[in-house]
Amino acid sequence: MDRILHPKRMWVVLAGIALLVSLTIALLQPYRRSIVLWFPENKTGKLISEVRFVPWQSGKVNAVSTVVEELLLGPANPQCKPFTDQYARVKAVLASKDRFLIILDSNALFASSVKTETTNYPTFFKTLAHTVWFNTGVKHISVAINGHIIFSQ
């Protein structure tokens, strides 16, 4: 026991314990993946990309849901404006053979915190489709709000 507590060996033992603790913590963390989102700039409206690291789960439905939820949260960059209200949520994502149906709650269109006259909805839906395709590979999506399909690509 005295040999392990000797100052020369104690640092090696402490470094080994620190390595084991850090490896355990790293292995217990969920897998994170980078995704790219696009938001309009405040002044020009030009789309600017933003990278985020999100917990990733297997399956296309989970991937599409994660990407759309992050897009609805809005930009982290203060020079960009959100497309929708930050409280808008994904109700469900349904998959068929060749199409994914994304069901959003009504806050996505009828938001009080985002001025509706400054929100360009065609750009929002095209950006949503592009973001989903870029991050998940899903090309054909439809977006429904309150039971009505309002966008399809």
N, C-alpha and C. Protein backbone atom coordinates (compact mmCIF):
# COMPACT_ATOMS: atom_id res chain seq x y z
N MET A 1 0.82 -1.20 0.00
CA MET A 1 0.00 0.00 0.00
C MET A 1 0.86 1.26 0.00
N ASP A 2 1.97 1.21 0.73
CA ASP A 2 2.86 2.37 0.77
C ASP A 2 3.49 2.63 -0.60
N ARG A 3 3.68 1.56 -1.36
CA ARG A 3 4.27 1.73 -2.69
C ARG A 3 3.33 2.52 -3.61
N ILE A 4 2.01 2.26 -3.53
CA ILE A 4 1.04 2.96 -4.37
C ILE A 4 0.93 4.42 -3.97
N LEU A 5 1.02 4.71 -2.70
CA LEU A 5 0.89 6.07 -2.21
C LEU A 5 2.18 6.87 -2.30
N HIS A 6 3.22 6.26 -2.76
CA HIS A 6 4.47 6.99 -2.95
C HIS A 6 4.23 8.09 -3.99
N PRO A 7 4.74 9.31 -3.77
CA PRO A 7 4.45 10.43 -4.68
C PRO A 7 4.74 10.14 -6.15
N LYS A 8 5.77 9.37 -6.45
CA LYS A 8 6.09 9.08 -7.85
C LYS A 8 5.00 8.22 -8.49
N ARG A 9 4.46 7.27 -7.75
CA ARG A 9 3.43 6.39 -8.27
C ARG A 9 2.03 6.97 -8.13
N MET A 10 1.85 7.82 -7.12
CA MET A 10 0.52 8.38 -6.88
C MET A 10 0.01 9.18 -8.08
N TRP A 11 0.87 9.89 -8.76
CA TRP A 11 0.45 10.69 -9.92
C TRP A 11 0.02 9.78 -11.07
N VAL A 12 0.68 8.67 -11.23
CA VAL A 12 0.30 7.71 -12.27
C VAL A 12 -1.06 7.10 -11.94
N VAL A 13 -1.27 6.76 -10.67
CA VAL A 13 -2.55 6.19 -10.26
C VAL A 13 -3.67 7.21 -10.43
N LEU A 14 -3.43 8.45 -10.01
CA LEU A 14 -4.45 9.50 -10.16
C LEU A 14 -4.75 9.78 -11.64
N ALA A 15 -3.73 9.76 -12.49
CA ALA A 15 -3.96 9.97 -13.92
C ALA A 15 -4.78 8.82 -14.51
N GLY A 16 -4.50 7.60 -14.05
CA GLY A 16 -5.28 6.44 -14.51
C GLY A 16 -6.73 6.52 -14.08
N ILE A 17 -6.97 6.94 -12.84
CA ILE A 17 -8.35 7.10 -12.36
C ILE A 17 -9.06 8.18 -13.15
N ALA A 18 -8.39 9.30 -13.40
CA ALA A 18 -9.00 10.38 -14.18
C ALA A 18 -9.33 9.91 -15.59
N LEU A 19 -8.46 9.11 -16.19
CA LEU A 19 -8.72 8.58 -17.52
C LEU A 19 -9.94 7.66 -17.51
N LEU A 20 -10.03 6.79 -16.52
CA LEU A 20 -11.18 5.89 -16.43
C LEU A 20 -12.48 6.66 -16.23
N VAL A 21 -12.47 7.68 -15.40
CA VAL A 21 -13.67 8.49 -15.17
C VAL A 21 -14.08 9.21 -16.44
N SER A 22 -13.11 9.81 -17.14
CA SER A 22 -13.46 10.53 -18.37
C SER A 22 -13.96 9.59 -19.46
N LEU A 23 -13.40 8.40 -19.58
CA LEU A 23 -13.88 7.42 -20.55
C LEU A 23 -15.29 6.97 -20.22
N THR A 24 -15.57 6.75 -18.95
CA THR A 24 -16.91 6.34 -18.53
C THR A 24 -17.93 7.42 -18.86
N ILE A 25 -17.60 8.65 -18.57
CA ILE A 25 -18.51 9.77 -18.87
C ILE A 25 -18.73 9.88 -20.38
N ALA A 26 -17.67 9.75 -21.15
CA ALA A 26 -17.78 9.87 -22.61
C ALA A 26 -18.65 8.75 -23.20
N LEU A 27 -18.53 7.56 -22.67
CA LEU A 27 -19.30 6.44 -23.21
C LEU A 27 -20.77 6.49 -22.80
N LEU A 28 -21.08 7.17 -21.71
CA LEU A 28 -22.47 7.27 -21.26
C LEU A 28 -23.24 8.39 -21.96
N GLN A 29 -22.53 9.29 -22.64
CA GLN A 29 -23.19 10.38 -23.34
C GLN A 29 -23.90 9.86 -24.59
N PRO A 30 -25.07 10.43 -24.93
CA PRO A 30 -25.73 10.01 -26.17
C PRO A 30 -24.93 10.47 -27.39
N TYR A 31 -25.08 9.74 -28.47
CA TYR A 31 -24.39 10.09 -29.71
C TYR A 31 -24.92 11.43 -30.21
N ARG A 32 -24.02 12.35 -30.52
CA ARG A 32 -24.39 13.66 -31.04
C ARG A 32 -23.89 13.78 -32.47
N ARG A 33 -24.71 14.43 -33.28
CA ARG A 33 -24.37 14.60 -34.68
C ARG A 33 -24.56 16.07 -35.04
N SER A 34 -23.75 16.56 -35.94
CA SER A 34 -23.91 17.94 -36.38
C SER A 34 -24.97 18.01 -37.47
N ILE A 35 -25.81 19.02 -37.39
CA ILE A 35 -26.78 19.29 -38.45
C ILE A 35 -26.63 20.74 -38.87
N VAL A 36 -27.03 21.03 -40.09
CA VAL A 36 -26.95 22.39 -40.62
C VAL A 36 -28.37 22.91 -40.81
N LEU A 37 -28.60 24.10 -40.27
CA LEU A 37 -29.90 24.77 -40.40
C LEU A 37 -29.67 26.10 -41.11
N TRP A 38 -30.72 26.60 -41.75
CA TRP A 38 -30.64 27.89 -42.43
C TRP A 38 -31.73 28.81 -41.89
N PHE A 39 -31.32 30.08 -41.63
CA PHE A 39 -32.25 31.10 -41.13
C PHE A 39 -32.03 32.39 -41.90
N PRO A 40 -33.09 33.21 -42.07
CA PRO A 40 -32.93 34.47 -42.78
C PRO A 40 -32.23 35.52 -41.92
N GLU A 41 -31.37 36.28 -42.56
CA GLU A 41 -30.69 37.38 -41.89
C GLU A 41 -31.70 38.50 -41.64
N ASN A 42 -31.54 39.24 -40.55
CA ASN A 42 -32.47 40.30 -40.19
C ASN A 42 -32.60 41.39 -41.26
N LYS A 43 -31.48 41.85 -41.80
CA LYS A 43 -31.50 43.00 -42.71
C LYS A 43 -31.85 42.62 -44.14
N THR A 44 -31.19 41.60 -44.65
CA THR A 44 -31.34 41.28 -46.07
C THR A 44 -32.31 40.14 -46.34
N GLY A 45 -32.54 39.29 -45.38
CA GLY A 45 -33.39 38.12 -45.60
C GLY A 45 -32.65 36.96 -46.24
N LYS A 46 -31.36 37.15 -46.51
CA LYS A 46 -30.54 36.10 -47.11
C LYS A 46 -30.37 34.97 -46.10
N LEU A 47 -30.45 33.74 -46.56
CA LEU A 47 -30.34 32.59 -45.67
C LEU A 47 -28.89 32.37 -45.25
N ILE A 48 -28.70 32.22 -43.94
CA ILE A 48 -27.39 32.00 -43.36
C ILE A 48 -27.40 30.65 -42.66
N SER A 49 -26.35 29.88 -42.85
CA SER A 49 -26.30 28.55 -42.24
C SER A 49 -25.84 28.63 -40.79
N GLU A 50 -26.26 27.62 -40.04
CA GLU A 50 -25.90 27.51 -38.62
C GLU A 50 -25.74 26.03 -38.32
N VAL A 51 -24.66 25.68 -37.64
CA VAL A 51 -24.38 24.28 -37.31
C VAL A 51 -24.76 24.06 -35.85
N ARG A 52 -25.44 22.95 -35.59
CA ARG A 52 -25.79 22.55 -34.22
C ARG A 52 -25.45 21.09 -34.03
N PHE A 53 -25.14 20.75 -32.80
CA PHE A 53 -24.90 19.36 -32.43
C PHE A 53 -26.09 18.88 -31.62
N VAL A 54 -26.74 17.85 -32.10
CA VAL A 54 -27.97 17.37 -31.47
C VAL A 54 -27.84 15.87 -31.16
N PRO A 55 -28.54 15.42 -30.11
CA PRO A 55 -28.57 13.98 -29.84
C PRO A 55 -29.22 13.26 -31.02
N TRP A 56 -28.61 12.19 -31.47
CA TRP A 56 -29.09 11.51 -32.68
C TRP A 56 -29.58 10.12 -32.34
N GLN A 57 -30.74 9.79 -32.86
CA GLN A 57 -31.29 8.46 -32.67
C GLN A 57 -31.41 7.79 -34.03
N SER A 58 -31.44 6.49 -34.03
CA SER A 58 -31.53 5.77 -35.30
C SER A 58 -32.93 5.89 -35.87
N GLY A 59 -33.01 5.81 -37.17
CA GLY A 59 -34.29 5.84 -37.87
C GLY A 59 -34.55 7.19 -38.51
N LYS A 60 -35.12 7.14 -39.70
CA LYS A 60 -35.40 8.37 -40.45
C LYS A 60 -36.47 9.23 -39.77
N VAL A 61 -37.48 8.61 -39.17
CA VAL A 61 -38.54 9.38 -38.53
C VAL A 61 -37.98 10.22 -37.40
N ASN A 62 -37.14 9.61 -36.56
CA ASN A 62 -36.51 10.36 -35.47
C ASN A 62 -35.59 11.45 -36.00
N ALA A 63 -34.87 11.16 -37.07
CA ALA A 63 -33.97 12.15 -37.65
C ALA A 63 -34.73 13.36 -38.18
N VAL A 64 -35.81 13.11 -38.93
CA VAL A 64 -36.62 14.21 -39.47
C VAL A 64 -37.23 15.03 -38.34
N SER A 65 -37.74 14.37 -37.33
CA SER A 65 -38.34 15.06 -36.20
C SER A 65 -37.31 15.95 -35.49
N THR A 66 -36.11 15.44 -35.26
CA THR A 66 -35.06 16.22 -34.60
C THR A 66 -34.68 17.44 -35.41
N VAL A 67 -34.50 17.28 -36.71
CA VAL A 67 -34.10 18.39 -37.57
C VAL A 67 -35.19 19.47 -37.61
N VAL A 68 -36.44 19.08 -37.75
CA VAL A 68 -37.54 20.06 -37.82
C VAL A 68 -37.70 20.77 -36.47
N GLU A 69 -37.58 20.04 -35.37
CA GLU A 69 -37.68 20.68 -34.06
C GLU A 69 -36.59 21.72 -33.87
N GLU A 70 -35.39 21.43 -34.30
CA GLU A 70 -34.30 22.40 -34.18
C GLU A 70 -34.55 23.63 -35.06
N LEU A 71 -35.10 23.42 -36.24
CA LEU A 71 -35.41 24.54 -37.13
C LEU A 71 -36.50 25.42 -36.51
N LEU A 72 -37.48 24.81 -35.87
CA LEU A 72 -38.56 25.56 -35.25
C LEU A 72 -38.08 26.35 -34.02
N LEU A 73 -37.04 25.89 -33.37
CA LEU A 73 -36.52 26.61 -32.20
C LEU A 73 -35.97 27.98 -32.56
N GLY A 74 -35.55 28.13 -33.79
CA GLY A 74 -35.03 29.42 -34.23
C GLY A 74 -33.52 29.48 -34.16
N PRO A 75 -32.98 30.60 -34.64
CA PRO A 75 -31.52 30.72 -34.71
C PRO A 75 -30.88 31.05 -33.37
N ALA A 76 -29.64 30.63 -33.21
CA ALA A 76 -28.84 31.03 -32.06
C ALA A 76 -28.14 32.35 -32.35
N ASN A 77 -27.95 32.64 -33.62
CA ASN A 77 -27.29 33.87 -34.05
C ASN A 77 -28.27 35.04 -33.95
N PRO A 78 -27.94 36.09 -33.19
CA PRO A 78 -28.86 37.23 -33.05
C PRO A 78 -29.03 38.04 -34.34
N GLN A 79 -28.18 37.82 -35.33
CA GLN A 79 -28.30 38.53 -36.59
C GLN A 79 -29.33 37.88 -37.52
N CYS A 80 -29.87 36.77 -37.09
CA CYS A 80 -30.88 36.08 -37.89
C CYS A 80 -32.21 36.12 -37.17
N LYS A 81 -33.28 35.97 -37.97
CA LYS A 81 -34.62 35.97 -37.37
C LYS A 81 -35.24 34.58 -37.53
N PRO A 82 -36.13 34.22 -36.60
CA PRO A 82 -36.77 32.90 -36.70
C PRO A 82 -37.86 32.91 -37.77
N PHE A 83 -38.15 31.74 -38.28
CA PHE A 83 -39.25 31.60 -39.23
C PHE A 83 -40.59 31.59 -38.52
N THR A 84 -40.63 30.96 -37.35
CA THR A 84 -41.89 30.77 -36.64
C THR A 84 -41.69 31.10 -35.16
N ASP A 85 -42.76 30.96 -34.43
CA ASP A 85 -42.72 31.14 -32.99
C ASP A 85 -41.87 30.04 -32.37
N GLN A 86 -41.06 30.39 -31.38
CA GLN A 86 -40.18 29.38 -30.77
C GLN A 86 -40.95 28.31 -30.01
N TYR A 87 -42.22 28.55 -29.75
CA TYR A 87 -43.03 27.55 -29.05
C TYR A 87 -43.72 26.58 -30.01
N ALA A 88 -43.52 26.75 -31.30
CA ALA A 88 -44.08 25.82 -32.27
C ALA A 88 -43.38 24.47 -32.10
N ARG A 89 -44.13 23.41 -32.21
CA ARG A 89 -43.60 22.07 -31.99
C ARG A 89 -44.04 21.11 -33.09
N VAL A 90 -43.29 20.05 -33.21
CA VAL A 90 -43.64 18.96 -34.11
C VAL A 90 -44.58 18.04 -33.34
N LYS A 91 -45.79 17.87 -33.86
CA LYS A 91 -46.73 16.94 -33.20
C LYS A 91 -46.38 15.50 -33.54
N ALA A 92 -46.08 15.26 -34.80
CA ALA A 92 -45.76 13.88 -35.21
C ALA A 92 -45.06 13.91 -36.56
N VAL A 93 -44.33 12.86 -36.83
CA VAL A 93 -43.75 12.62 -38.16
C VAL A 93 -44.16 11.22 -38.55
N LEU A 94 -44.84 11.12 -39.68
CA LEU A 94 -45.32 9.82 -40.17
C LEU A 94 -44.61 9.50 -41.47
N ALA A 95 -44.24 8.25 -41.63
CA ALA A 95 -43.53 7.83 -42.83
C ALA A 95 -44.36 6.85 -43.62
N SER A 96 -44.39 7.05 -44.94
CA SER A 96 -44.97 6.06 -45.84
C SER A 96 -43.83 5.57 -46.74
N LYS A 97 -44.16 4.87 -47.80
CA LYS A 97 -43.11 4.32 -48.66
C LYS A 97 -42.20 5.39 -49.24
N ASP A 98 -42.79 6.46 -49.76
CA ASP A 98 -41.98 7.45 -50.46
C ASP A 98 -42.14 8.88 -49.92
N ARG A 99 -42.85 9.07 -48.83
CA ARG A 99 -43.12 10.42 -48.35
C ARG A 99 -43.16 10.45 -46.82
N PHE A 100 -42.71 11.57 -46.28
CA PHE A 100 -42.80 11.80 -44.84
C PHE A 100 -43.79 12.94 -44.62
N LEU A 101 -44.72 12.73 -43.69
CA LEU A 101 -45.70 13.74 -43.33
C LEU A 101 -45.29 14.32 -41.99
N ILE A 102 -45.03 15.64 -41.99
CA ILE A 102 -44.63 16.34 -40.78
C ILE A 102 -45.84 17.12 -40.29
N ILE A 103 -46.32 16.79 -39.10
CA ILE A 103 -47.50 17.46 -38.55
C ILE A 103 -47.02 18.45 -37.49
N LEU A 104 -47.29 19.73 -37.74
CA LEU A 104 -46.88 20.80 -36.83
C LEU A 104 -48.08 21.33 -36.07
N ASP A 105 -47.85 21.91 -34.90
CA ASP A 105 -48.96 22.56 -34.20
C ASP A 105 -49.21 23.93 -34.83
N SER A 106 -50.30 24.55 -34.46
CA SER A 106 -50.73 25.79 -35.13
C SER A 106 -49.82 26.97 -34.83
N ASN A 107 -48.96 26.89 -33.81
CA ASN A 107 -48.03 27.99 -33.53
C ASN A 107 -47.04 28.20 -34.66
N ALA A 108 -46.85 27.20 -35.50
CA ALA A 108 -45.92 27.34 -36.61
C ALA A 108 -46.38 28.41 -37.60
N LEU A 109 -47.69 28.59 -37.75
CA LEU A 109 -48.20 29.62 -38.65
C LEU A 109 -48.81 30.80 -37.92
N PHE A 110 -49.48 30.53 -36.84
CA PHE A 110 -50.24 31.57 -36.15
C PHE A 110 -49.50 31.97 -34.88
N ALA A 111 -48.33 32.55 -35.05
CA ALA A 111 -47.49 32.89 -33.90
C ALA A 111 -47.68 34.34 -33.51
N SER A 112 -47.68 34.57 -32.23
CA SER A 112 -47.84 35.94 -31.76
C SER A 112 -46.50 36.65 -31.60
N SER A 113 -45.41 35.90 -31.37
CA SER A 113 -44.12 36.55 -31.14
C SER A 113 -43.37 36.86 -32.43
N VAL A 114 -43.78 36.29 -33.54
CA VAL A 114 -43.15 36.57 -34.83
C VAL A 114 -44.16 37.35 -35.67
N LYS A 115 -43.73 38.46 -36.20
CA LYS A 115 -44.64 39.27 -37.01
C LYS A 115 -44.96 38.52 -38.29
N THR A 116 -46.25 38.28 -38.49
CA THR A 116 -46.64 37.48 -39.65
C THR A 116 -46.38 38.21 -40.96
N GLU A 117 -46.38 39.54 -40.93
CA GLU A 117 -46.13 40.24 -42.18
C GLU A 117 -44.67 40.17 -42.60
N THR A 118 -43.76 39.85 -41.66
CA THR A 118 -42.35 39.72 -42.03
C THR A 118 -41.94 38.27 -42.29
N THR A 119 -42.81 37.33 -41.98
CA THR A 119 -42.49 35.92 -42.21
C THR A 119 -42.85 35.54 -43.64
N ASN A 120 -41.88 35.01 -44.33
CA ASN A 120 -42.07 34.57 -45.70
C ASN A 120 -42.31 33.06 -45.67
N TYR A 121 -43.59 32.66 -45.67
CA TYR A 121 -43.92 31.25 -45.51
C TYR A 121 -43.44 30.37 -46.66
N PRO A 122 -43.52 30.81 -47.91
CA PRO A 122 -42.95 29.95 -48.96
C PRO A 122 -41.46 29.68 -48.75
N THR A 123 -40.72 30.69 -48.31
CA THR A 123 -39.30 30.48 -48.02
C THR A 123 -39.12 29.54 -46.84
N PHE A 124 -39.97 29.67 -45.83
CA PHE A 124 -39.90 28.79 -44.67
C PHE A 124 -40.08 27.34 -45.08
N PHE A 125 -41.10 27.05 -45.87
CA PHE A 125 -41.36 25.66 -46.24
C PHE A 125 -40.30 25.11 -47.18
N LYS A 126 -39.79 25.94 -48.09
CA LYS A 126 -38.70 25.48 -48.96
C LYS A 126 -37.43 25.23 -48.15
N THR A 127 -37.16 26.11 -47.18
CA THR A 127 -36.00 25.92 -46.32
C THR A 127 -36.16 24.68 -45.45
N LEU A 128 -37.35 24.45 -44.96
CA LEU A 128 -37.62 23.25 -44.17
C LEU A 128 -37.35 22.00 -45.00
N ALA A 129 -37.85 21.98 -46.23
CA ALA A 129 -37.64 20.83 -47.11
C ALA A 129 -36.16 20.64 -47.42
N HIS A 130 -35.45 21.74 -47.68
CA HIS A 130 -34.02 21.66 -47.99
C HIS A 130 -33.23 21.19 -46.77
N THR A 131 -33.57 21.70 -45.59
CA THR A 131 -32.88 21.32 -44.37
C THR A 131 -33.08 19.83 -44.06
N VAL A 132 -34.30 19.36 -44.21
CA VAL A 132 -34.58 17.94 -43.99
C VAL A 132 -33.81 17.09 -44.99
N TRP A 133 -33.83 17.48 -46.25
CA TRP A 133 -33.10 16.71 -47.27
C TRP A 133 -31.60 16.71 -46.99
N PHE A 134 -31.05 17.88 -46.67
CA PHE A 134 -29.60 18.01 -46.47
C PHE A 134 -29.11 17.17 -45.30
N ASN A 135 -29.89 17.12 -44.22
CA ASN A 135 -29.46 16.44 -43.01
C ASN A 135 -29.87 14.98 -42.92
N THR A 136 -30.93 14.58 -43.63
CA THR A 136 -31.43 13.21 -43.50
C THR A 136 -31.49 12.45 -44.82
N GLY A 137 -31.47 13.14 -45.93
CA GLY A 137 -31.60 12.49 -47.23
C GLY A 137 -33.03 12.28 -47.68
N VAL A 138 -34.00 12.71 -46.87
CA VAL A 138 -35.41 12.56 -47.22
C VAL A 138 -35.79 13.66 -48.21
N LYS A 139 -36.25 13.27 -49.40
CA LYS A 139 -36.55 14.25 -50.45
C LYS A 139 -38.02 14.65 -50.51
N HIS A 140 -38.92 13.74 -50.18
CA HIS A 140 -40.35 14.00 -50.35
C HIS A 140 -41.02 14.17 -48.99
N ILE A 141 -41.44 15.42 -48.73
CA ILE A 141 -42.11 15.69 -47.47
C ILE A 141 -43.41 16.43 -47.71
N SER A 142 -44.31 16.31 -46.77
CA SER A 142 -45.53 17.11 -46.74
C SER A 142 -45.64 17.66 -45.33
N VAL A 143 -46.15 18.89 -45.24
CA VAL A 143 -46.33 19.53 -43.94
C VAL A 143 -47.82 19.77 -43.72
N ALA A 144 -48.31 19.34 -42.55
CA ALA A 144 -49.72 19.52 -42.22
C ALA A 144 -49.84 20.31 -40.93
N ILE A 145 -50.83 21.21 -40.92
CA ILE A 145 -51.17 21.98 -39.72
C ILE A 145 -52.68 21.95 -39.59
N ASN A 146 -53.17 21.62 -38.40
CA ASN A 146 -54.60 21.52 -38.13
C ASN A 146 -55.32 20.61 -39.12
N GLY A 147 -54.69 19.52 -39.50
CA GLY A 147 -55.32 18.54 -40.36
C GLY A 147 -55.30 18.87 -41.84
N HIS A 148 -54.68 19.96 -42.24
CA HIS A 148 -54.61 20.37 -43.64
C HIS A 148 -53.17 20.32 -44.13
N ILE A 149 -52.97 19.69 -45.26
CA ILE A 149 -51.62 19.68 -45.85
C ILE A 149 -51.44 21.04 -46.52
N ILE A 150 -50.43 21.76 -46.03
CA ILE A 150 -50.21 23.12 -46.55
C ILE A 150 -48.96 23.23 -47.40
N PHE A 151 -48.14 22.18 -47.41
CA PHE A 151 -46.94 22.17 -48.24
C PHE A 151 -46.62 20.74 -48.60
N SER A 152 -46.22 20.55 -49.84
CA SER A 152 -45.83 19.22 -50.28
C SER A 152 -44.71 19.35 -51.32
N GLN A 153 -43.69 18.53 -51.15
CA GLN A 153 -42.58 18.55 -52.13
C GLN A 153 -42.12 17.13 -52.35
